[in-house]
Amino acid sequence: MKAAQLVGVSRRTIYNWLASGKLDYLRTAGGSVRIFVDSLWRDPACSGEHAAPTSAVVSSLSALGS
């Protein structure tokens, strides 16, 4: 997964961040997840503030392990 490689964390960490709302993402009609690059480097102190994502999507994940 490209997002995990870019940030230097495991896939599981990315999944946890998605589940907790720490990353902005889109879910496609096919069930894949697209993560916005700018949410990977967001300041943790601003975690409650969600600006509209403006940068490219970095990663595509198939279903989020239910």
C-alpha atoms as a PDB file:
ATOM      1  CA  MET A   1       0.000   0.000   0.000  1.00  0.00           C
ATOM      2  CA  LYS A   2       1.504   3.265  -1.137  1.00  0.00           C
ATOM      3  CA  ALA A   3       0.109   5.376   1.731  1.00  0.00           C
ATOM      4  CA  ALA A   4       1.771   3.157   4.338  1.00  0.00           C
ATOM      5  CA  GLN A   5       5.088   3.326   2.478  1.00  0.00           C
ATOM      6  CA  LEU A   6       4.938   7.122   2.136  1.00  0.00           C
ATOM      7  CA  VAL A   7       4.400   7.650   5.854  1.00  0.00           C
ATOM      8  CA  GLY A   8       6.537   4.734   7.043  1.00  0.00           C
ATOM      9  CA  VAL A   9       3.847   2.852   8.947  1.00  0.00           C
ATOM     10  CA  SER A  10       2.183  -0.533   8.572  1.00  0.00           C
ATOM     11  CA  ARG A  11      -0.981  -1.279   6.595  1.00  0.00           C
ATOM     12  CA  ARG A  12      -2.749  -1.992   9.883  1.00  0.00           C
ATOM     13  CA  THR A  13      -1.907   1.515  11.104  1.00  0.00           C
ATOM     14  CA  ILE A  14      -3.457   3.006   7.959  1.00  0.00           C
ATOM     15  CA  TYR A  15      -6.588   0.887   8.523  1.00  0.00           C
ATOM     16  CA  ASN A  16      -6.759   2.068  12.135  1.00  0.00           C
ATOM     17  CA  TRP A  17      -6.364   5.707  11.086  1.00  0.00           C
ATOM     18  CA  LEU A  18      -9.161   5.289   8.535  1.00  0.00           C
ATOM     19  CA  ALA A  19     -11.464   3.736  11.129  1.00  0.00           C
ATOM     20  CA  SER A  20     -10.758   6.490  13.663  1.00  0.00           C
ATOM     21  CA  GLY A  21     -11.290   9.306  11.149  1.00  0.00           C
ATOM     22  CA  LYS A  22      -7.688  10.523  11.138  1.00  0.00           C
ATOM     23  CA  LEU A  23      -7.459  10.263   7.332  1.00  0.00           C
ATOM     24  CA  ASP A  24      -9.717  11.748   4.670  1.00  0.00           C
ATOM     25  CA  TYR A  25     -10.729   9.211   2.065  1.00  0.00           C
ATOM     26  CA  LEU A  26     -13.276   8.334  -0.570  1.00  0.00           C
ATOM     27  CA  ARG A  27     -14.888   4.946  -1.000  1.00  0.00           C
ATOM     28  CA  THR A  28     -15.425   4.014  -4.647  1.00  0.00           C
ATOM     29  CA  ALA A  29     -18.505   2.247  -6.003  1.00  0.00           C
ATOM     30  CA  GLY A  30     -16.434  -0.947  -6.153  1.00  0.00           C
ATOM     31  CA  GLY A  31     -15.574  -0.760  -2.437  1.00  0.00           C
ATOM     32  CA  SER A  32     -11.984   0.486  -2.757  1.00  0.00           C
ATOM     33  CA  VAL A  33     -10.712   3.289  -0.550  1.00  0.00           C
ATOM     34  CA  ARG A  34      -8.821   6.301  -1.925  1.00  0.00           C
ATOM     35  CA  ILE A  35      -6.775   8.255   0.626  1.00  0.00           C
ATOM     36  CA  PHE A  36      -6.012  11.957   0.136  1.00  0.00           C
ATOM     37  CA  VAL A  37      -2.299  12.806   0.366  1.00  0.00           C
ATOM     38  CA  ASP A  38      -2.812  15.957   2.424  1.00  0.00           C
ATOM     39  CA  SER A  39      -4.503  13.992   5.209  1.00  0.00           C
ATOM     40  CA  LEU A  40      -1.360  11.854   5.671  1.00  0.00           C
ATOM     41  CA  TRP A  41       0.662  14.828   6.919  1.00  0.00           C
ATOM     42  CA  ARG A  42      -2.061  16.722   8.774  1.00  0.00           C
ATOM     43  CA  ASP A  43      -1.040  18.301  12.078  1.00  0.00           C
ATOM     44  CA  PRO A  44      -2.317  15.992  14.862  1.00  0.00           C
ATOM     45  CA  ALA A  45      -3.259  19.058  16.922  1.00  0.00           C
ATOM     46  CA  CYS A  46      -5.783  19.928  14.213  1.00  0.00           C
ATOM     47  CA  SER A  47      -7.336  16.458  14.010  1.00  0.00           C
ATOM     48  CA  GLY A  48     -10.817  17.817  14.697  1.00  0.00           C
ATOM     49  CA  GLU A  49     -10.614  20.330  11.857  1.00  0.00           C
ATOM     50  CA  HIS A  50     -11.390  18.815   8.476  1.00  0.00           C
ATOM     51  CA  ALA A  51     -10.767  21.103   5.544  1.00  0.00           C
ATOM     52  CA  ALA A  52     -11.885  19.979   2.121  1.00  0.00           C
ATOM     53  CA  PRO A  53      -9.174  17.739   0.647  1.00  0.00           C
ATOM     54  CA  THR A  54      -7.326  19.443  -2.173  1.00  0.00           C
ATOM     55  CA  SER A  55      -4.539  17.111  -3.187  1.00  0.00           C
ATOM     56  CA  ALA A  56      -4.330  13.926  -5.164  1.00  0.00           C
ATOM     57  CA  VAL A  57      -5.347  10.505  -4.022  1.00  0.00           C
ATOM     58  CA  VAL A  58      -2.401   8.248  -3.149  1.00  0.00           C
ATOM     59  CA  SER A  59      -3.643   4.831  -2.360  1.00  0.00           C
ATOM     60  CA  SER A  60      -6.279   2.386  -3.359  1.00  0.00           C
ATOM     61  CA  LEU A  61      -7.342  -0.291  -0.918  1.00  0.00           C
ATOM     62  CA  SER A  62      -9.766  -3.061  -1.560  1.00  0.00           C
ATOM     63  CA  ALA A  63     -12.313  -3.772   1.166  1.00  0.00           C
ATOM     64  CA  LEU A  64     -11.228  -2.688   4.636  1.00  0.00           C
ATOM     65  CA  GLY A  65     -11.021  -6.062   6.323  1.00  0.00           C
ATOM     66  CA  SER A  66     -14.409  -6.340   7.988  1.00  0.00           C
END
